[in-house]
């Protein structure tokens, strides 16, 4: 019965109806804990009369990874990715004619909070283009026209960054553009996408305002009308 739950999830993943990763499968954790606990008990029952050390060793091994993770988080605390304070900041300073350019990796948080909680209309935001491979796993039906024309291909980091620049032309000429980042996306060379966008935007427009919350959520207001 327990294993069948995992099998159903895997079937859903094979049919591309359910992602088998991260928080989506958190509910499966108790199932694995039950199996692990039963296995530890069986090892202890078999070894307790022969060697207390072996019994203690196998039980102690279970604590190695959690303890190492705890130490790692003490050294490098996790950063929160709070979306609501940043989106509320945009809403409070909103003016007629404003538009939000949503970094592609920010779109899911934006869609949840902004569209359904804060009431942004579809004509008030644009979702930034993502690397080509992103659409193989997510939003296959929303493949941008630029990728339809070029067909399936593997992008280099330079190709991806050039595509980001090209996509910004959709908000070029606007007086007030909010550029939103929730979370962090990093290229293979270690450069954060947010830093790249800001470098380009600072060269083609004027930064009017900015707001950052909890380390990984930020928004920047730019004048991209060309009037410096």
C-alpha atoms as a PDB file:
ATOM      1  CA  UNK A   1       0.000   0.000   0.000  1.00  0.00           C
ATOM      2  CA  UNK A   2       2.780   2.425   0.915  1.00  0.00           C
ATOM      3  CA  UNK A   3       4.882   1.673  -2.162  1.00  0.00           C
ATOM      4  CA  UNK A   4       1.854   2.068  -4.466  1.00  0.00           C
ATOM      5  CA  UNK A   5       1.710   5.774  -3.513  1.00  0.00           C
ATOM      6  CA  UNK A   6       5.217   6.243  -4.888  1.00  0.00           C
ATOM      7  CA  UNK A   7       4.344   4.265  -8.022  1.00  0.00           C
ATOM      8  CA  UNK A   8       1.295   6.459  -8.721  1.00  0.00           C
ATOM      9  CA  UNK A   9       3.478   9.567  -8.407  1.00  0.00           C
ATOM     10  CA  UNK A  10       6.008   8.127 -10.849  1.00  0.00           C
ATOM     11  CA  UNK A  11       3.221   7.301 -13.316  1.00  0.00           C
ATOM     12  CA  UNK A  12       2.004  10.887 -13.050  1.00  0.00           C
ATOM     13  CA  UNK A  13       5.544  12.090 -13.727  1.00  0.00           C
ATOM     14  CA  UNK A  14       5.886   9.814 -16.778  1.00  0.00           C
ATOM     15  CA  UNK A  15       2.654  11.320 -18.115  1.00  0.00           C
ATOM     16  CA  UNK A  16       4.038  14.824 -17.381  1.00  0.00           C
ATOM     17  CA  UNK A  17       1.151  15.528 -15.019  1.00  0.00           C
ATOM     18  CA  UNK A  18       3.071  15.705 -11.739  1.00  0.00           C
ATOM     19  CA  UNK A  19       6.650  16.831 -10.970  1.00  0.00           C
ATOM     20  CA  UNK A  20       8.563  14.241  -8.948  1.00  0.00           C
ATOM     21  CA  UNK A  21      10.890  16.638  -7.145  1.00  0.00           C
ATOM     22  CA  UNK A  22      11.313  19.040  -4.262  1.00  0.00           C
ATOM     23  CA  UNK A  23       8.349  20.123  -2.184  1.00  0.00           C
ATOM     24  CA  UNK A  24       5.895  18.281  -4.460  1.00  0.00           C
ATOM     25  CA  UNK A  25       6.935  14.938  -2.981  1.00  0.00           C
ATOM     26  CA  UNK A  26       7.406  16.060   0.610  1.00  0.00           C
ATOM     27  CA  UNK A  27       4.346  14.037   1.591  1.00  0.00           C
ATOM     28  CA  UNK A  28       6.250  10.848   0.675  1.00  0.00           C
ATOM     29  CA  UNK A  29       8.877  11.404   3.383  1.00  0.00           C
ATOM     30  CA  UNK A  30       6.938   9.576   6.166  1.00  0.00           C
ATOM     31  CA  UNK A  31       6.760   6.483   3.947  1.00  0.00           C
ATOM     32  CA  UNK A  32      10.549   6.329   3.642  1.00  0.00           C
ATOM     33  CA  UNK A  33      10.952   7.061   7.356  1.00  0.00           C
ATOM     34  CA  UNK A  34       8.771   4.036   8.144  1.00  0.00           C
ATOM     35  CA  UNK A  35      10.928   1.784   5.961  1.00  0.00           C
ATOM     36  CA  UNK A  36      14.155   3.202   7.400  1.00  0.00           C
ATOM     37  CA  UNK A  37      12.928   2.828  10.987  1.00  0.00           C
ATOM     38  CA  UNK A  38      11.878  -0.768  10.348  1.00  0.00           C
ATOM     39  CA  UNK A  39      15.255  -1.524   8.759  1.00  0.00           C
ATOM     40  CA  UNK A  40      17.161  -0.038  11.699  1.00  0.00           C
ATOM     41  CA  UNK A  41      15.064  -2.058  14.121  1.00  0.00           C
ATOM     42  CA  UNK A  42      15.786  -5.284  12.230  1.00  0.00           C
ATOM     43  CA  UNK A  43      19.545  -4.542  12.170  1.00  0.00           C
ATOM     44  CA  UNK A  44      19.472  -3.788  15.894  1.00  0.00           C
ATOM     45  CA  UNK A  45      17.531  -6.981  16.661  1.00  0.00           C
ATOM     46  CA  UNK A  46      20.031  -9.086  14.700  1.00  0.00           C
ATOM     47  CA  UNK A  47      23.182  -7.446  16.052  1.00  0.00           C
ATOM     48  CA  UNK A  48      22.355  -6.424  19.621  1.00  0.00           C
ATOM     49  CA  UNK A  49      23.316  -9.807  21.092  1.00  0.00           C
ATOM     50  CA  UNK A  50      26.488 -10.080  18.992  1.00  0.00           C
ATOM     51  CA  UNK A  51      27.869  -6.564  19.025  1.00  0.00           C
ATOM     52  CA  UNK A  52      26.446  -3.453  20.647  1.00  0.00           C
ATOM     53  CA  UNK A  53      28.966  -1.411  18.656  1.00  0.00           C
ATOM     54  CA  UNK A  54      27.580  -2.530  15.270  1.00  0.00           C
ATOM     55  CA  UNK A  55      24.039  -1.821  16.397  1.00  0.00           C
ATOM     56  CA  UNK A  56      25.007   1.653  17.573  1.00  0.00           C
ATOM     57  CA  UNK A  57      27.065   2.305  14.425  1.00  0.00           C
ATOM     58  CA  UNK A  58      24.220   1.617  12.003  1.00  0.00           C
ATOM     59  CA  UNK A  59      21.838   3.742  14.068  1.00  0.00           C
ATOM     60  CA  UNK A  60      24.403   6.552  14.351  1.00  0.00           C
ATOM     61  CA  UNK A  61      24.974   6.648  10.579  1.00  0.00           C
ATOM     62  CA  UNK A  62      21.431   7.995  10.188  1.00  0.00           C
ATOM     63  CA  UNK A  63      22.419  11.152  12.064  1.00  0.00           C
ATOM     64  CA  UNK A  64      25.479  11.993   9.929  1.00  0.00           C
ATOM     65  CA  UNK A  65      23.673  13.770   7.090  1.00  0.00           C
ATOM     66  CA  UNK A  66      21.150  15.744   9.238  1.00  0.00           C
ATOM     67  CA  UNK A  67      23.941  16.928  11.537  1.00  0.00           C
ATOM     68  CA  UNK A  68      26.180  17.929   8.616  1.00  0.00           C
ATOM     69  CA  UNK A  69      23.297  19.885   7.081  1.00  0.00           C
ATOM     70  CA  UNK A  70      22.598  21.613  10.385  1.00  0.00           C
ATOM     71  CA  UNK A  71      26.241  22.667  10.682  1.00  0.00           C
ATOM     72  CA  UNK A  72      26.214  23.867   7.056  1.00  0.00           C
ATOM     73  CA  UNK A  73      23.130  26.021   7.670  1.00  0.00           C
ATOM     74  CA  UNK A  74      24.764  27.561  10.738  1.00  0.00           C
ATOM     75  CA  UNK A  75      27.769  28.541   8.605  1.00  0.00           C
ATOM     76  CA  UNK A  76      25.644  29.674   5.646  1.00  0.00           C
ATOM     77  CA  UNK A  77      22.113  30.541   6.803  1.00  0.00           C
ATOM     78  CA  UNK A  78      19.324  30.051   4.293  1.00  0.00           C
ATOM     79  CA  UNK A  79      17.908  33.151   2.640  1.00  0.00           C
ATOM     80  CA  UNK A  80      14.173  33.619   2.409  1.00  0.00           C
ATOM     81  CA  UNK A  81      12.445  34.266  -0.901  1.00  0.00           C
ATOM     82  CA  UNK A  82       9.588  36.416   0.321  1.00  0.00           C
ATOM     83  CA  UNK A  83       7.419  37.513  -2.596  1.00  0.00           C
ATOM     84  CA  UNK A  84       4.578  39.357  -0.902  1.00  0.00           C
ATOM     85  CA  UNK A  85       6.534  42.324   0.581  1.00  0.00           C
ATOM     86  CA  UNK A  86       8.177  43.037  -2.780  1.00  0.00           C
ATOM     87  CA  UNK A  87       4.914  42.749  -4.709  1.00  0.00           C
ATOM     88  CA  UNK A  88       3.139  44.930  -2.149  1.00  0.00           C
ATOM     89  CA  UNK A  89       5.864  47.543  -2.615  1.00  0.00           C
ATOM     90  CA  UNK A  90       5.129  47.602  -6.360  1.00  0.00           C
ATOM     91  CA  UNK A  91       1.391  47.831  -5.765  1.00  0.00           C
ATOM     92  CA  UNK A  92       1.738  50.702  -3.281  1.00  0.00           C
ATOM     93  CA  UNK A  93       3.840  52.761  -5.721  1.00  0.00           C
ATOM     94  CA  UNK A  94       1.945  51.788  -8.860  1.00  0.00           C
ATOM     95  CA  UNK A  95       1.101  54.475 -11.415  1.00  0.00           C
ATOM     96  CA  UNK A  96      -1.026  54.343 -14.543  1.00  0.00           C
ATOM     97  CA  UNK A  97       1.004  52.991 -17.441  1.00  0.00           C
ATOM     98  CA  UNK A  98       3.373  50.922 -15.264  1.00  0.00           C
ATOM     99  CA  UNK A  99       4.307  47.388 -16.256  1.00  0.00           C
ATOM    100  CA  UNK A 100       6.121  44.564 -14.445  1.00  0.00           C
ATOM    101  CA  UNK A 101       8.825  42.577 -16.230  1.00  0.00           C
ATOM    102  CA  UNK A 102       8.952  39.284 -14.323  1.00  0.00           C
ATOM    103  CA  UNK A 103      12.225  37.328 -14.354  1.00  0.00           C
ATOM    104  CA  UNK A 104      11.382  33.885 -15.743  1.00  0.00           C
ATOM    105  CA  UNK A 105      12.367  32.036 -12.544  1.00  0.00           C
ATOM    106  CA  UNK A 106      10.110  34.401 -10.557  1.00  0.00           C
ATOM    107  CA  UNK A 107       6.965  33.694 -12.537  1.00  0.00           C
ATOM    108  CA  UNK A 108       5.456  30.944 -10.364  1.00  0.00           C
ATOM    109  CA  UNK A 109       5.618  32.986  -7.156  1.00  0.00           C
ATOM    110  CA  UNK A 110       4.375  36.033  -9.069  1.00  0.00           C
ATOM    111  CA  UNK A 111       1.464  34.111 -10.581  1.00  0.00           C
ATOM    112  CA  UNK A 112       0.378  32.857  -7.176  1.00  0.00           C
ATOM    113  CA  UNK A 113       0.631  36.072  -5.176  1.00  0.00           C
ATOM    114  CA  UNK A 114       0.274  38.819  -7.748  1.00  0.00           C
ATOM    115  CA  UNK A 115      -2.473  37.436  -9.955  1.00  0.00           C
ATOM    116  CA  UNK A 116      -4.590  35.758  -7.295  1.00  0.00           C
ATOM    117  CA  UNK A 117      -3.867  37.823  -4.165  1.00  0.00           C
ATOM    118  CA  UNK A 118      -2.919  41.317  -5.324  1.00  0.00           C
ATOM    119  CA  UNK A 119      -4.937  41.538  -8.486  1.00  0.00           C
ATOM    120  CA  UNK A 120      -2.449  42.360 -11.247  1.00  0.00           C
ATOM    121  CA  UNK A 121      -4.135  42.300 -14.648  1.00  0.00           C
ATOM    122  CA  UNK A 122      -2.620  40.404 -17.578  1.00  0.00           C
ATOM    123  CA  UNK A 123      -1.838  43.640 -19.400  1.00  0.00           C
ATOM    124  CA  UNK A 124       0.176  44.890 -16.414  1.00  0.00           C
ATOM    125  CA  UNK A 125       3.022  42.363 -16.577  1.00  0.00           C
ATOM    126  CA  UNK A 126       5.274  40.425 -18.959  1.00  0.00           C
ATOM    127  CA  UNK A 127       7.097  37.194 -18.182  1.00  0.00           C
ATOM    128  CA  UNK A 128      10.749  37.252 -19.196  1.00  0.00           C
ATOM    129  CA  UNK A 129      12.025  34.659 -21.617  1.00  0.00           C
ATOM    130  CA  UNK A 130      13.693  31.581 -20.135  1.00  0.00           C
ATOM    131  CA  UNK A 131      16.552  29.438 -21.472  1.00  0.00           C
ATOM    132  CA  UNK A 132      15.374  27.028 -24.175  1.00  0.00           C
ATOM    133  CA  UNK A 133      15.712  23.885 -22.045  1.00  0.00           C
ATOM    134  CA  UNK A 134      13.367  25.352 -19.425  1.00  0.00           C
ATOM    135  CA  UNK A 135      10.414  24.824 -21.752  1.00  0.00           C
ATOM    136  CA  UNK A 136      11.200  21.133 -22.143  1.00  0.00           C
ATOM    137  CA  UNK A 137      10.130  20.580 -18.527  1.00  0.00           C
ATOM    138  CA  UNK A 138       7.788  23.503 -17.806  1.00  0.00           C
ATOM    139  CA  UNK A 139       5.240  25.501 -19.810  1.00  0.00           C
ATOM    140  CA  UNK A 140       5.790  23.538 -23.025  1.00  0.00           C
ATOM    141  CA  UNK A 141       2.669  25.151 -24.458  1.00  0.00           C
ATOM    142  CA  UNK A 142       4.166  28.621 -23.874  1.00  0.00           C
ATOM    143  CA  UNK A 143       7.303  28.179 -25.983  1.00  0.00           C
ATOM    144  CA  UNK A 144       8.274  31.680 -27.207  1.00  0.00           C
ATOM    145  CA  UNK A 145       8.190  32.415 -30.921  1.00  0.00           C
ATOM    146  CA  UNK A 146      11.949  32.968 -31.044  1.00  0.00           C
ATOM    147  CA  UNK A 147      12.479  29.317 -30.095  1.00  0.00           C
ATOM    148  CA  UNK A 148       9.801  28.069 -32.476  1.00  0.00           C
ATOM    149  CA  UNK A 149      11.664  29.717 -35.334  1.00  0.00           C
ATOM    150  CA  UNK A 150      15.078  28.345 -34.337  1.00  0.00           C
ATOM    151  CA  UNK A 151      13.763  24.905 -33.418  1.00  0.00           C
ATOM    152  CA  UNK A 152      15.212  22.638 -30.746  1.00  0.00           C
ATOM    153  CA  UNK A 153      18.780  23.499 -29.851  1.00  0.00           C
ATOM    154  CA  UNK A 154      21.164  23.603 -26.919  1.00  0.00           C
ATOM    155  CA  UNK A 155      22.164  27.100 -25.836  1.00  0.00           C
ATOM    156  CA  UNK A 156      25.511  28.258 -24.573  1.00  0.00           C
ATOM    157  CA  UNK A 157      25.606  30.783 -21.729  1.00  0.00           C
ATOM    158  CA  UNK A 158      26.307  33.521 -24.282  1.00  0.00           C
ATOM    159  CA  UNK A 159      23.266  32.498 -26.322  1.00  0.00           C
ATOM    160  CA  UNK A 160      21.096  32.636 -23.216  1.00  0.00           C
ATOM    161  CA  UNK A 161      22.358  36.082 -22.191  1.00  0.00           C
ATOM    162  CA  UNK A 162      21.899  37.448 -25.717  1.00  0.00           C
ATOM    163  CA  UNK A 163      18.333  36.137 -25.668  1.00  0.00           C
ATOM    164  CA  UNK A 164      17.719  37.946 -22.370  1.00  0.00           C
ATOM    165  CA  UNK A 165      18.922  41.201 -23.927  1.00  0.00           C
ATOM    166  CA  UNK A 166      16.780  40.694 -27.028  1.00  0.00           C
ATOM    167  CA  UNK A 167      13.712  39.999 -24.887  1.00  0.00           C
ATOM    168  CA  UNK A 168      14.071  43.319 -23.043  1.00  0.00           C
ATOM    169  CA  UNK A 169      13.089  45.040 -26.285  1.00  0.00           C
ATOM    170  CA  UNK A 170       9.490  44.234 -25.339  1.00  0.00           C
ATOM    171  CA  UNK A 171       9.610  46.895 -22.613  1.00  0.00           C
ATOM    172  CA  UNK A 172      11.915  49.309 -24.426  1.00  0.00           C
ATOM    173  CA  UNK A 173      10.505  52.831 -24.697  1.00  0.00           C
ATOM    174  CA  UNK A 174       8.350  52.590 -21.577  1.00  0.00           C
ATOM    175  CA  UNK A 175       8.589  55.269 -18.915  1.00  0.00           C
ATOM    176  CA  UNK A 176       8.127  53.021 -15.864  1.00  0.00           C
ATOM    177  CA  UNK A 177       9.113  49.355 -15.884  1.00  0.00           C
ATOM    178  CA  UNK A 178       9.266  47.305 -12.679  1.00  0.00           C
ATOM    179  CA  UNK A 179      11.827  44.492 -13.058  1.00  0.00           C
ATOM    180  CA  UNK A 180      11.112  41.710 -10.570  1.00  0.00           C
ATOM    181  CA  UNK A 181      13.385  38.974  -9.196  1.00  0.00           C
ATOM    182  CA  UNK A 182      12.227  36.369  -6.666  1.00  0.00           C
ATOM    183  CA  UNK A 183      14.879  33.801  -5.804  1.00  0.00           C
ATOM    184  CA  UNK A 184      18.203  33.396  -7.579  1.00  0.00           C
ATOM    185  CA  UNK A 185      19.281  31.910 -10.885  1.00  0.00           C
ATOM    186  CA  UNK A 186      22.990  31.469 -11.613  1.00  0.00           C
ATOM    187  CA  UNK A 187      24.836  30.759 -14.854  1.00  0.00           C
ATOM    188  CA  UNK A 188      27.492  28.035 -15.100  1.00  0.00           C
ATOM    189  CA  UNK A 189      30.186  30.713 -14.895  1.00  0.00           C
ATOM    190  CA  UNK A 190      28.839  31.786 -11.490  1.00  0.00           C
ATOM    191  CA  UNK A 191      27.139  34.982 -12.643  1.00  0.00           C
ATOM    192  CA  UNK A 192      23.645  35.646 -11.320  1.00  0.00           C
ATOM    193  CA  UNK A 193      20.986  36.437 -13.903  1.00  0.00           C
ATOM    194  CA  UNK A 194      19.798  39.350 -11.767  1.00  0.00           C
ATOM    195  CA  UNK A 195      23.225  41.006 -11.906  1.00  0.00           C
ATOM    196  CA  UNK A 196      23.345  40.606 -15.674  1.00  0.00           C
ATOM    197  CA  UNK A 197      19.908  42.164 -16.132  1.00  0.00           C
ATOM    198  CA  UNK A 198      20.864  45.098 -13.920  1.00  0.00           C
ATOM    199  CA  UNK A 199      24.080  45.659 -15.875  1.00  0.00           C
ATOM    200  CA  UNK A 200      22.134  45.834 -19.143  1.00  0.00           C
ATOM    201  CA  UNK A 201      19.281  47.899 -17.722  1.00  0.00           C
ATOM    202  CA  UNK A 202      21.637  50.425 -16.126  1.00  0.00           C
ATOM    203  CA  UNK A 203      23.184  50.936 -19.571  1.00  0.00           C
ATOM    204  CA  UNK A 204      19.973  51.295 -21.560  1.00  0.00           C
ATOM    205  CA  UNK A 205      17.819  53.092 -18.989  1.00  0.00           C
ATOM    206  CA  UNK A 206      17.666  55.061 -15.770  1.00  0.00           C
ATOM    207  CA  UNK A 207      17.089  53.366 -12.407  1.00  0.00           C
ATOM    208  CA  UNK A 208      14.410  55.305 -10.516  1.00  0.00           C
ATOM    209  CA  UNK A 209      13.715  53.135  -7.495  1.00  0.00           C
ATOM    210  CA  UNK A 210      14.604  49.771  -5.954  1.00  0.00           C
ATOM    211  CA  UNK A 211      13.525  47.567  -3.069  1.00  0.00           C
ATOM    212  CA  UNK A 212      15.002  44.349  -1.664  1.00  0.00           C
ATOM    213  CA  UNK A 213      13.526  42.062   0.971  1.00  0.00           C
ATOM    214  CA  UNK A 214      14.904  38.999   2.776  1.00  0.00           C
ATOM    215  CA  UNK A 215      18.010  38.676   0.654  1.00  0.00           C
ATOM    216  CA  UNK A 216      16.644  36.999  -2.467  1.00  0.00           C
ATOM    217  CA  UNK A 217      13.607  39.034  -3.484  1.00  0.00           C
ATOM    218  CA  UNK A 218      14.016  42.409  -5.161  1.00  0.00           C
ATOM    219  CA  UNK A 219      12.429  44.816  -7.599  1.00  0.00           C
ATOM    220  CA  UNK A 220      13.859  47.717  -9.600  1.00  0.00           C
ATOM    221  CA  UNK A 221      11.987  50.539 -11.293  1.00  0.00           C
ATOM    222  CA  UNK A 222      13.498  51.743 -14.589  1.00  0.00           C
ATOM    223  CA  UNK A 223      12.799  54.493 -17.062  1.00  0.00           C
ATOM    224  CA  UNK A 224      13.446  52.894 -20.443  1.00  0.00           C
ATOM    225  CA  UNK A 225      11.980  55.714 -22.491  1.00  0.00           C
ATOM    226  CA  UNK A 226      15.438  56.907 -23.533  1.00  0.00           C
ATOM    227  CA  UNK A 227      15.101  60.216 -21.704  1.00  0.00           C
ATOM    228  CA  UNK A 228      18.192  60.409 -19.475  1.00  0.00           C
END
